[in-house]
């Protein structure tokens, strides 16, 4: 079978996945939930914003205050005396439209913070997947470079034997030695890149990932069904956390306009108080008690233009929120389309690269036979071998990019969830067995 043959060919590079000791993708995600600083910051931002509802609701609820005062008087007119006073006051807002809109506005603050937290949560999921895949890809690149080095070393060894036998010139030996030096340089570069990817993943999950060696398995990357672009764009409009955030911002500033208009309206408060006063001097007076209940109405007349400019500011902020929402909507559609085209294009690329890898393999085998028969030059063999490993490297990268953009498409559509992490983790587990 064509696919099986080519998968055997690329087994040296694809999904060798020197993954993480006792750490799957799902475990890396679980660690990031606990340790990612960006997500923790968003979580505390949301918790802080959630308190705004209680703060603004307090302005609509009764307020009760108590006081006590003990005073000693000493004058040159009267004898010394003491007074003791206890007071209790109660106030209940009855009509305060501005406070009501402020309460509603506080709910929108909480909604916005919740959306930001969900954005940070999904962003963390993608960062974990992206970093994890980048590390796997870097490990595969190292494995591929090691395999290429081994192949070139064998060619060099064979060239040296043929040189000693008088079949090849010393120039041919030098050519293979030069090729080996280039591959060794590339291997060092790949190893450095891999180490950097480990550091990047560690910065997200908070612990140092270890390594295990894995063996690859066949997996059909190119036949996964992909819904039409219209499906994904509709999904993003209904589920994108970014769009939800900007929608809540529109509602927030709309409430702000109404709140500031309400500052021109009268307010009505119900008030009650109870006071006891006791005076002691050379003779004791009777304790005095004062009780009152009433209503207080406040009618704004002129505030120096403060209310007018508050209204103007809130109206401009509302208009800004509208344009921000439209911009976010357009940007989300654009990102969804870009990710979709990447996924769709990578499927075609993988099919083409599989065919190209098979052709390069045949070409290398043919050039080796022709070189042995004296029909081709060493340059032809080197070129064929370079083409094969370059194609294998592109194939490995394309397959990892397919996973990366598949997850990014879910992120842009606003539907990326832990279930998707589980699904991808299952694929990687099936693709990678720990060597015993």
Protein backbone atom coordinates (compact mmCIF):
# COMPACT_ATOMS: atom_id res chain seq x y z
CA UNK A 1 0.00 0.00 0.00
CA UNK A 2 1.38 3.38 -1.03
CA UNK A 3 0.62 5.14 2.26
CA UNK A 4 2.12 2.35 4.33
CA UNK A 5 5.30 2.29 2.24
CA UNK A 6 5.82 6.01 2.52
CA UNK A 7 5.04 6.02 6.25
CA UNK A 8 7.73 3.39 6.72
CA UNK A 9 10.06 5.63 4.77
CA UNK A 10 9.41 8.65 6.93
CA UNK A 11 9.39 6.73 10.21
CA UNK A 12 12.81 8.12 11.00
CA UNK A 13 11.40 11.62 11.19
CA UNK A 14 7.67 11.72 11.64
CA UNK A 15 6.31 11.48 15.16
CA UNK A 16 9.46 10.14 16.67
CA UNK A 17 8.16 12.43 19.38
CA UNK A 18 10.70 12.42 22.11
CA UNK A 19 7.90 13.52 24.31
CA UNK A 20 7.71 14.18 27.96
CA UNK A 21 8.42 11.72 30.76
CA UNK A 22 5.05 10.96 32.34
CA UNK A 23 3.65 14.02 30.58
CA UNK A 24 1.11 13.84 27.80
CA UNK A 25 -0.43 16.83 26.10
CA UNK A 26 -3.38 16.58 28.49
CA UNK A 27 -1.05 16.57 31.49
CA UNK A 28 0.79 19.60 30.13
CA UNK A 29 -2.57 21.35 29.80
CA UNK A 30 -3.51 20.42 33.38
CA UNK A 31 -0.24 21.87 34.66
CA UNK A 32 -0.81 25.05 32.67
CA UNK A 33 -4.24 25.43 34.30
CA UNK A 34 -2.47 25.60 37.66
CA UNK A 35 0.66 27.50 36.74
CA UNK A 36 0.13 29.75 33.72
CA UNK A 37 0.60 33.34 34.89
CA UNK A 38 -1.47 34.90 32.10
CA UNK A 39 -4.48 32.73 32.93
CA UNK A 40 -4.11 33.37 36.67
CA UNK A 41 -4.01 37.12 36.03
CA UNK A 42 -7.25 36.92 34.02
CA UNK A 43 -8.85 34.81 36.74
CA UNK A 44 -8.13 37.38 39.44
CA UNK A 45 -9.26 40.18 37.14
CA UNK A 46 -12.59 38.39 36.76
CA UNK A 47 -12.89 37.79 40.52
CA UNK A 48 -12.22 41.47 41.18
CA UNK A 49 -14.76 42.58 38.57
CA UNK A 50 -17.40 40.27 40.06
CA UNK A 51 -17.36 42.35 43.26
CA UNK A 52 -18.59 45.40 41.34
CA UNK A 53 -22.15 44.03 41.32
CA UNK A 54 -22.25 43.93 45.10
CA UNK A 55 -20.70 47.38 45.37
CA UNK A 56 -23.26 49.02 43.07
CA UNK A 57 -26.18 47.09 44.53
CA UNK A 58 -25.38 48.58 47.92
CA UNK A 59 -26.49 52.01 46.69
CA UNK A 60 -30.02 50.60 46.20
CA UNK A 61 -30.26 48.95 49.61
CA UNK A 62 -31.01 50.47 53.03
CA UNK A 63 -28.17 52.00 54.98
CA UNK A 64 -28.16 52.01 58.78
CA UNK A 65 -25.69 53.93 60.90
CA UNK A 66 -25.29 54.22 64.64
CA UNK A 67 -23.31 56.69 66.72
CA UNK A 68 -22.50 57.37 70.36
CA UNK A 69 -21.04 60.50 71.89
CA UNK A 70 -19.94 61.29 75.44
CA UNK A 71 -18.92 64.90 76.11
CA UNK A 72 -17.58 66.66 79.20
CA UNK A 73 -18.15 70.47 79.42
CA UNK A 74 -16.18 72.82 81.68
CA UNK A 75 -16.93 76.56 81.35
CA UNK A 76 -16.49 79.66 83.51
CA UNK A 77 -20.21 80.32 83.36
CA UNK A 78 -21.75 77.04 84.39
CA UNK A 79 -20.73 74.16 86.54
CA UNK A 80 -19.10 71.22 84.87
CA UNK A 81 -21.48 68.75 83.26
CA UNK A 82 -21.51 65.71 81.00
CA UNK A 83 -23.75 64.74 78.12
CA UNK A 84 -24.28 61.35 76.57
CA UNK A 85 -25.93 60.93 73.18
CA UNK A 86 -26.89 57.82 71.25
CA UNK A 87 -28.23 57.99 67.71
CA UNK A 88 -29.46 55.55 65.07
CA UNK A 89 -30.23 56.59 61.50
CA UNK A 90 -31.84 54.76 58.59
CA UNK A 91 -32.02 55.67 54.91
CA UNK A 92 -33.69 53.81 52.05
CA UNK A 93 -33.36 55.02 48.45
CA UNK A 94 -36.82 54.97 46.89
CA UNK A 95 -36.18 56.58 43.52
CA UNK A 96 -32.65 56.79 42.13
CA UNK A 97 -32.57 55.96 38.43
CA UNK A 98 -28.85 56.69 38.10
CA UNK A 99 -27.99 54.14 40.79
CA UNK A 100 -30.24 51.58 39.11
CA UNK A 101 -28.39 51.96 35.81
CA UNK A 102 -25.08 51.85 37.62
CA UNK A 103 -26.14 48.50 39.09
CA UNK A 104 -27.05 47.21 35.62
CA UNK A 105 -23.77 48.56 34.30
CA UNK A 106 -21.82 46.65 36.94
CA UNK A 107 -23.28 43.40 35.60
CA UNK A 108 -21.84 44.25 32.20
CA UNK A 109 -18.45 44.83 33.80
CA UNK A 110 -18.64 41.31 35.19
CA UNK A 111 -19.75 39.94 31.81
CA UNK A 112 -16.80 41.65 30.11
CA UNK A 113 -14.34 40.28 32.66
CA UNK A 114 -15.82 36.80 32.27
CA UNK A 115 -15.37 37.01 28.50
CA UNK A 116 -11.76 38.14 28.97
CA UNK A 117 -11.18 35.17 31.25
CA UNK A 118 -12.66 32.78 28.68
CA UNK A 119 -10.45 34.39 26.02
CA UNK A 120 -7.40 33.86 28.24
CA UNK A 121 -8.46 30.27 28.95
CA UNK A 122 -8.80 29.36 25.28
CA UNK A 123 -5.62 31.25 24.47
CA UNK A 124 -3.82 29.19 27.11
CA UNK A 125 -5.14 25.98 25.53
CA UNK A 126 -3.78 27.04 22.16
CA UNK A 127 -0.44 28.15 23.61
CA UNK A 128 -0.01 24.76 25.27
CA UNK A 129 -0.90 22.90 22.07
CA UNK A 130 1.24 25.20 19.94
CA UNK A 131 4.25 24.87 22.24
CA UNK A 132 3.78 21.11 22.62
CA UNK A 133 3.53 20.59 18.85
CA UNK A 134 6.51 22.89 18.26
CA UNK A 135 8.54 20.74 20.63
CA UNK A 136 7.46 17.52 18.94
CA UNK A 137 8.34 19.03 15.57
CA UNK A 138 11.74 20.11 16.89
CA UNK A 139 12.36 16.60 18.20
CA UNK A 140 11.43 15.15 14.82
CA UNK A 141 13.78 17.58 13.09
CA UNK A 142 16.60 16.39 15.33
CA UNK A 143 15.73 12.76 14.60
CA UNK A 144 15.66 13.49 10.88
CA UNK A 145 19.03 15.27 11.07
CA UNK A 146 20.51 12.30 12.94
CA UNK A 147 19.17 9.96 10.26
CA UNK A 148 20.59 12.16 7.51
CA UNK A 149 23.95 12.28 9.27
CA UNK A 150 23.97 8.50 9.48
CA UNK A 151 23.17 8.19 5.77
CA UNK A 152 25.89 10.68 4.77
CA UNK A 153 28.40 8.96 7.09
CA UNK A 154 27.71 5.68 5.35
CA UNK A 155 28.18 7.33 1.97
CA UNK A 156 31.46 8.86 3.15
CA UNK A 157 32.66 5.51 4.43
CA UNK A 158 31.79 3.89 1.11
CA UNK A 159 33.50 6.69 -0.81
CA UNK A 160 36.69 6.22 1.24
CA UNK A 161 36.70 2.49 0.45
CA UNK A 162 36.18 3.17 -3.25
CA UNK A 163 38.96 5.78 -3.16
CA UNK A 164 41.35 3.27 -1.64
CA UNK A 165 40.32 0.83 -4.34
CA UNK A 166 41.12 3.46 -6.96
CA UNK A 167 37.54 3.77 -8.18
CA UNK A 168 36.86 7.31 -6.88
CA UNK A 169 39.02 10.39 -6.72
CA UNK A 170 39.93 12.18 -3.52
CA UNK A 171 37.63 14.99 -4.64
CA UNK A 172 34.64 12.70 -4.22
CA UNK A 173 35.74 11.89 -0.69
CA UNK A 174 36.11 15.58 0.10
CA UNK A 175 32.64 16.25 -1.31
CA UNK A 176 31.07 13.70 1.02
CA UNK A 177 33.11 15.04 3.96
CA UNK A 178 31.85 18.54 3.18
CA UNK A 179 28.29 17.24 3.05
CA UNK A 180 28.77 15.51 6.42
CA UNK A 181 30.09 18.73 7.97
CA UNK A 182 27.03 20.59 6.71
CA UNK A 183 24.67 17.97 8.14
CA UNK A 184 26.47 18.05 11.51
CA UNK A 185 26.09 21.83 11.59
CA UNK A 186 22.38 21.45 10.84
CA UNK A 187 22.07 18.86 13.60
CA UNK A 188 23.58 21.23 16.18
CA UNK A 189 21.21 23.97 15.04
CA UNK A 190 18.22 21.61 15.34
CA UNK A 191 19.30 20.55 18.84
CA UNK A 192 19.54 24.17 19.97
CA UNK A 193 16.09 24.87 18.53
CA UNK A 194 14.70 21.86 20.39
CA UNK A 195 16.17 23.06 23.69
CA UNK A 196 14.55 26.45 23.16
CA UNK A 197 11.18 24.77 22.60
CA UNK A 198 11.55 22.95 25.92
CA UNK A 199 12.13 26.28 27.65
CA UNK A 200 9.08 27.80 25.96
CA UNK A 201 6.83 24.96 27.11
CA UNK A 202 8.26 25.15 30.63
CA UNK A 203 7.35 28.86 30.81
CA UNK A 204 3.70 27.90 30.28
CA UNK A 205 3.31 24.74 32.38
CA UNK A 206 5.59 25.85 35.20
CA UNK A 207 7.71 22.68 35.37
CA UNK A 208 10.56 21.28 33.33
CA UNK A 209 9.30 18.67 30.84
CA UNK A 210 11.33 15.48 30.66
CA UNK A 211 11.86 13.25 27.62
CA UNK A 212 10.94 9.76 26.51
CA UNK A 213 11.72 8.11 23.21
CA UNK A 214 8.75 7.13 21.08
CA UNK A 215 8.15 5.09 17.98
CA UNK A 216 5.92 6.38 15.18
CA UNK A 217 2.75 4.85 13.86
CA UNK A 218 0.76 5.41 10.72
CA UNK A 219 -2.08 7.93 10.85
CA UNK A 220 -4.17 9.26 7.98
CA UNK A 221 -3.86 13.02 8.31
CA UNK A 222 -5.34 14.04 5.01
CA UNK A 223 -8.80 12.50 5.01
CA UNK A 224 -10.28 14.23 8.07
CA UNK A 225 -13.59 15.83 7.12
CA UNK A 226 -13.70 19.61 7.20
CA UNK A 227 -16.96 21.54 7.29
CA UNK A 228 -17.46 24.38 4.74
CA UNK A 229 -16.08 27.82 5.53
CA UNK A 230 -19.61 29.21 6.01
CA UNK A 231 -20.13 26.76 8.87
CA UNK A 232 -17.03 27.97 10.69
CA UNK A 233 -17.81 31.65 10.21
CA UNK A 234 -21.34 31.18 11.55
CA UNK A 235 -19.88 29.22 14.46
CA UNK A 236 -17.49 32.07 15.27
CA UNK A 237 -20.25 34.70 15.24
CA UNK A 238 -22.26 32.69 17.78
CA UNK A 239 -19.41 31.45 19.97
CA UNK A 240 -16.39 33.75 19.74
CA UNK A 241 -15.46 34.99 23.20
CA UNK A 242 -13.85 38.05 21.61
CA UNK A 243 -17.13 39.01 19.95
CA UNK A 244 -19.00 38.42 23.22
CA UNK A 245 -16.58 40.69 25.01
CA UNK A 246 -17.18 43.56 22.59
CA UNK A 247 -20.94 42.98 22.73
CA UNK A 248 -20.86 43.36 26.51
CA UNK A 249 -18.81 46.53 26.07
CA UNK A 250 -21.59 47.99 23.90
CA UNK A 251 -24.15 47.17 26.60
CA UNK A 252 -21.87 48.62 29.28
CA UNK A 253 -21.50 51.99 27.58
CA UNK A 254 -25.19 52.05 26.66
CA UNK A 255 -26.00 51.76 30.36
CA UNK A 256 -23.45 54.51 30.98
CA UNK A 257 -25.32 56.89 28.68
CA UNK A 258 -28.61 56.15 30.44
CA UNK A 259 -27.00 56.50 33.86
CA UNK A 260 -25.60 59.92 33.05
CA UNK A 261 -28.91 61.13 31.64
CA UNK A 262 -30.52 59.98 34.88
CA UNK A 263 -28.27 62.36 36.83
CA UNK A 264 -30.69 65.09 35.72
CA UNK A 265 -33.61 63.35 37.42
CA UNK A 266 -34.82 63.87 41.01
CA UNK A 267 -33.98 61.32 43.69
CA UNK A 268 -36.18 60.33 46.61
CA UNK A 269 -34.96 58.84 49.88
CA UNK A 270 -36.87 57.62 52.92
CA UNK A 271 -35.15 58.66 56.15
CA UNK A 272 -35.68 57.86 59.82
CA UNK A 273 -33.68 58.58 62.97
CA UNK A 274 -33.75 57.92 66.70
CA UNK A 275 -31.67 59.92 69.21
CA UNK A 276 -31.31 59.79 73.01
CA UNK A 277 -29.59 62.56 74.99
CA UNK A 278 -28.74 62.48 78.69
CA UNK A 279 -27.22 65.44 80.63
CA UNK A 280 -25.62 65.20 84.10
CA UNK A 281 -24.54 68.21 86.18
CA UNK A 282 -25.24 69.18 89.78
CA UNK A 283 -28.67 67.80 89.14
CA UNK A 284 -29.74 65.13 86.64
CA UNK A 285 -32.11 66.10 83.81
CA UNK A 286 -34.57 63.80 82.24
CA UNK A 287 -33.35 61.79 79.27
CA UNK A 288 -34.44 63.36 75.98
CA UNK A 289 -35.58 61.21 73.07
CA UNK A 290 -35.96 62.41 69.48
CA UNK A 291 -37.64 60.36 66.77
CA UNK A 292 -38.08 61.36 63.17
CA UNK A 293 -39.25 59.89 59.90
CA UNK A 294 -39.53 61.63 56.57
CA UNK A 295 -38.79 61.72 52.88
CA UNK A 296 -36.04 63.68 51.18
CA UNK A 297 -36.25 64.71 47.55
CA UNK A 298 -33.24 66.10 45.69
CA UNK A 299 -33.76 67.96 42.43
CA UNK A 300 -30.65 68.69 40.34
CA UNK A 301 -30.73 72.23 39.01
CA UNK A 302 -27.21 73.15 37.94
CA UNK A 303 -23.92 71.28 38.35
CA UNK A 304 -21.57 73.53 36.42
CA UNK A 305 -21.94 71.48 33.22
CA UNK A 306 -20.57 68.29 34.80
CA UNK A 307 -23.59 66.18 33.87
CA UNK A 308 -23.63 67.48 30.30
CA UNK A 309 -20.00 66.50 29.73
CA UNK A 310 -20.51 63.12 31.38
CA UNK A 311 -23.32 62.44 28.94
CA UNK A 312 -21.14 63.58 26.04
CA UNK A 313 -18.26 61.36 27.15
CA UNK A 314 -20.49 58.30 27.55
CA UNK A 315 -22.04 58.85 24.11
CA UNK A 316 -18.62 58.96 22.48
CA UNK A 317 -17.54 55.86 24.40
CA UNK A 318 -20.66 54.08 23.19
CA UNK A 319 -19.88 54.95 19.57
CA UNK A 320 -16.32 53.71 20.05
CA UNK A 321 -17.66 50.42 21.43
CA UNK A 322 -19.85 50.00 18.35
CA UNK A 323 -16.89 50.41 16.00
CA UNK A 324 -14.71 48.16 18.16
CA UNK A 325 -17.39 45.47 17.91
CA UNK A 326 -17.60 45.78 14.13
CA UNK A 327 -13.83 45.63 13.89
CA UNK A 328 -13.71 42.54 16.12
CA UNK A 329 -16.41 40.88 14.04
CA UNK A 330 -14.52 41.50 10.80
CA UNK A 331 -11.22 40.43 12.35
CA UNK A 332 -12.74 37.21 13.69
CA UNK A 333 -14.16 36.31 10.29
CA UNK A 334 -10.77 37.06 8.72
CA UNK A 335 -8.88 34.88 11.21
CA UNK A 336 -11.36 32.03 10.80
CA UNK A 337 -10.99 32.17 7.03
CA UNK A 338 -7.18 32.27 7.24
CA UNK A 339 -7.07 29.27 9.59
CA UNK A 340 -9.57 27.39 7.45
CA UNK A 341 -7.53 27.97 4.30
CA UNK A 342 -4.38 26.86 6.13
CA UNK A 343 -6.03 23.59 7.21
CA UNK A 344 -7.51 23.01 3.78
CA UNK A 345 -4.24 23.85 2.04
CA UNK A 346 -2.15 21.69 4.36
CA UNK A 347 -4.30 18.66 3.55
CA UNK A 348 -3.44 19.12 -0.12
CA UNK A 349 0.21 19.80 0.70
CA UNK A 350 0.50 16.60 2.71
CA UNK A 351 -0.92 14.54 -0.16
CA UNK A 352 1.52 16.17 -2.58
CA UNK A 353 4.48 15.74 -0.21
CA UNK A 354 3.66 12.06 0.30
CA UNK A 355 3.84 11.56 -3.46
CA UNK A 356 7.00 13.67 -3.70
CA UNK A 357 8.69 11.71 -0.90
CA UNK A 358 7.95 8.47 -2.74
CA UNK A 359 9.40 9.94 -5.94
CA UNK A 360 12.49 11.22 -4.11
CA UNK A 361 13.05 7.82 -2.56
CA UNK A 362 12.91 6.16 -5.97
CA UNK A 363 15.18 8.85 -7.40
CA UNK A 364 17.78 8.31 -4.68
CA UNK A 365 17.73 4.56 -5.18
CA UNK A 366 18.12 5.00 -8.94
CA UNK A 367 20.99 7.48 -8.57
CA UNK A 368 22.80 5.17 -6.15
CA UNK A 369 22.55 2.31 -8.66
CA UNK A 370 23.56 4.53 -11.57
CA UNK A 371 26.50 5.93 -9.61
CA UNK A 372 27.68 2.42 -8.81
CA UNK A 373 27.46 1.65 -12.52
CA UNK A 374 29.34 4.83 -13.41
CA UNK A 375 26.37 6.36 -15.20
CA UNK A 376 25.84 9.38 -12.89
CA UNK A 377 28.07 11.64 -10.85
CA UNK A 378 28.41 12.04 -7.11
CA UNK A 379 26.68 15.40 -7.37
CA UNK A 380 23.54 13.64 -8.62
CA UNK A 381 23.54 11.31 -5.62
CA UNK A 382 24.08 14.16 -3.15
CA UNK A 383 21.30 16.18 -4.77
CA UNK A 384 18.87 13.25 -4.69
CA UNK A 385 19.63 12.60 -1.03
CA UNK A 386 19.19 16.27 -0.13
CA UNK A 387 15.88 16.34 -1.97
CA UNK A 388 14.62 13.32 -0.07
CA UNK A 389 15.47 14.66 3.39
CA UNK A 390 14.22 18.12 2.52
CA UNK A 391 10.89 16.61 1.46
CA UNK A 392 10.69 14.46 4.60
CA UNK A 393 11.33 17.54 6.71
CA UNK A 394 8.62 19.49 4.87
CA UNK A 395 6.22 16.57 5.26
CA UNK A 396 6.83 16.36 9.00
CA UNK A 397 6.37 20.12 9.42
CA UNK A 398 3.22 20.09 7.28
CA UNK A 399 1.63 17.39 9.43
CA UNK A 400 2.38 19.27 12.62
CA UNK A 401 1.14 22.51 11.06
CA UNK A 402 -2.06 20.70 10.15
CA UNK A 403 -2.67 19.92 13.82
CA UNK A 404 -1.67 23.43 14.86
CA UNK A 405 -4.02 25.19 12.45
CA UNK A 406 -6.81 22.71 13.13
CA UNK A 407 -6.69 23.76 16.77
CA UNK A 408 -6.31 27.42 15.82
CA UNK A 409 -9.45 27.15 13.69
CA UNK A 410 -11.32 25.95 16.78
CA UNK A 411 -9.81 28.84 18.75
CA UNK A 412 -10.81 31.46 16.19
CA UNK A 413 -14.32 30.01 16.03
CA UNK A 414 -14.57 30.28 19.82
CA UNK A 415 -15.29 26.59 20.40
CA UNK A 416 -11.89 25.29 21.53
CA UNK A 417 -12.42 23.21 24.68
CA UNK A 418 -10.78 20.63 26.91
CA UNK A 419 -12.50 17.93 24.83
CA UNK A 420 -10.39 19.02 21.85
CA UNK A 421 -7.26 18.76 23.98
CA UNK A 422 -8.35 15.24 24.94
CA UNK A 423 -8.94 14.34 21.32
CA UNK A 424 -5.54 15.57 20.19
CA UNK A 425 -3.91 13.91 23.18
CA UNK A 426 -5.47 10.60 22.14
CA UNK A 427 -4.04 10.99 18.64
CA UNK A 428 -0.57 11.66 20.01
CA UNK A 429 -0.80 8.75 22.45
CA UNK A 430 -1.84 6.42 19.63
CA UNK A 431 0.96 7.77 17.45
CA UNK A 432 3.62 7.43 20.10
CA UNK A 433 4.56 4.43 22.19
CA UNK A 434 7.14 4.72 24.89
CA UNK A 435 10.14 2.49 24.23
CA UNK A 436 10.56 -0.15 26.90
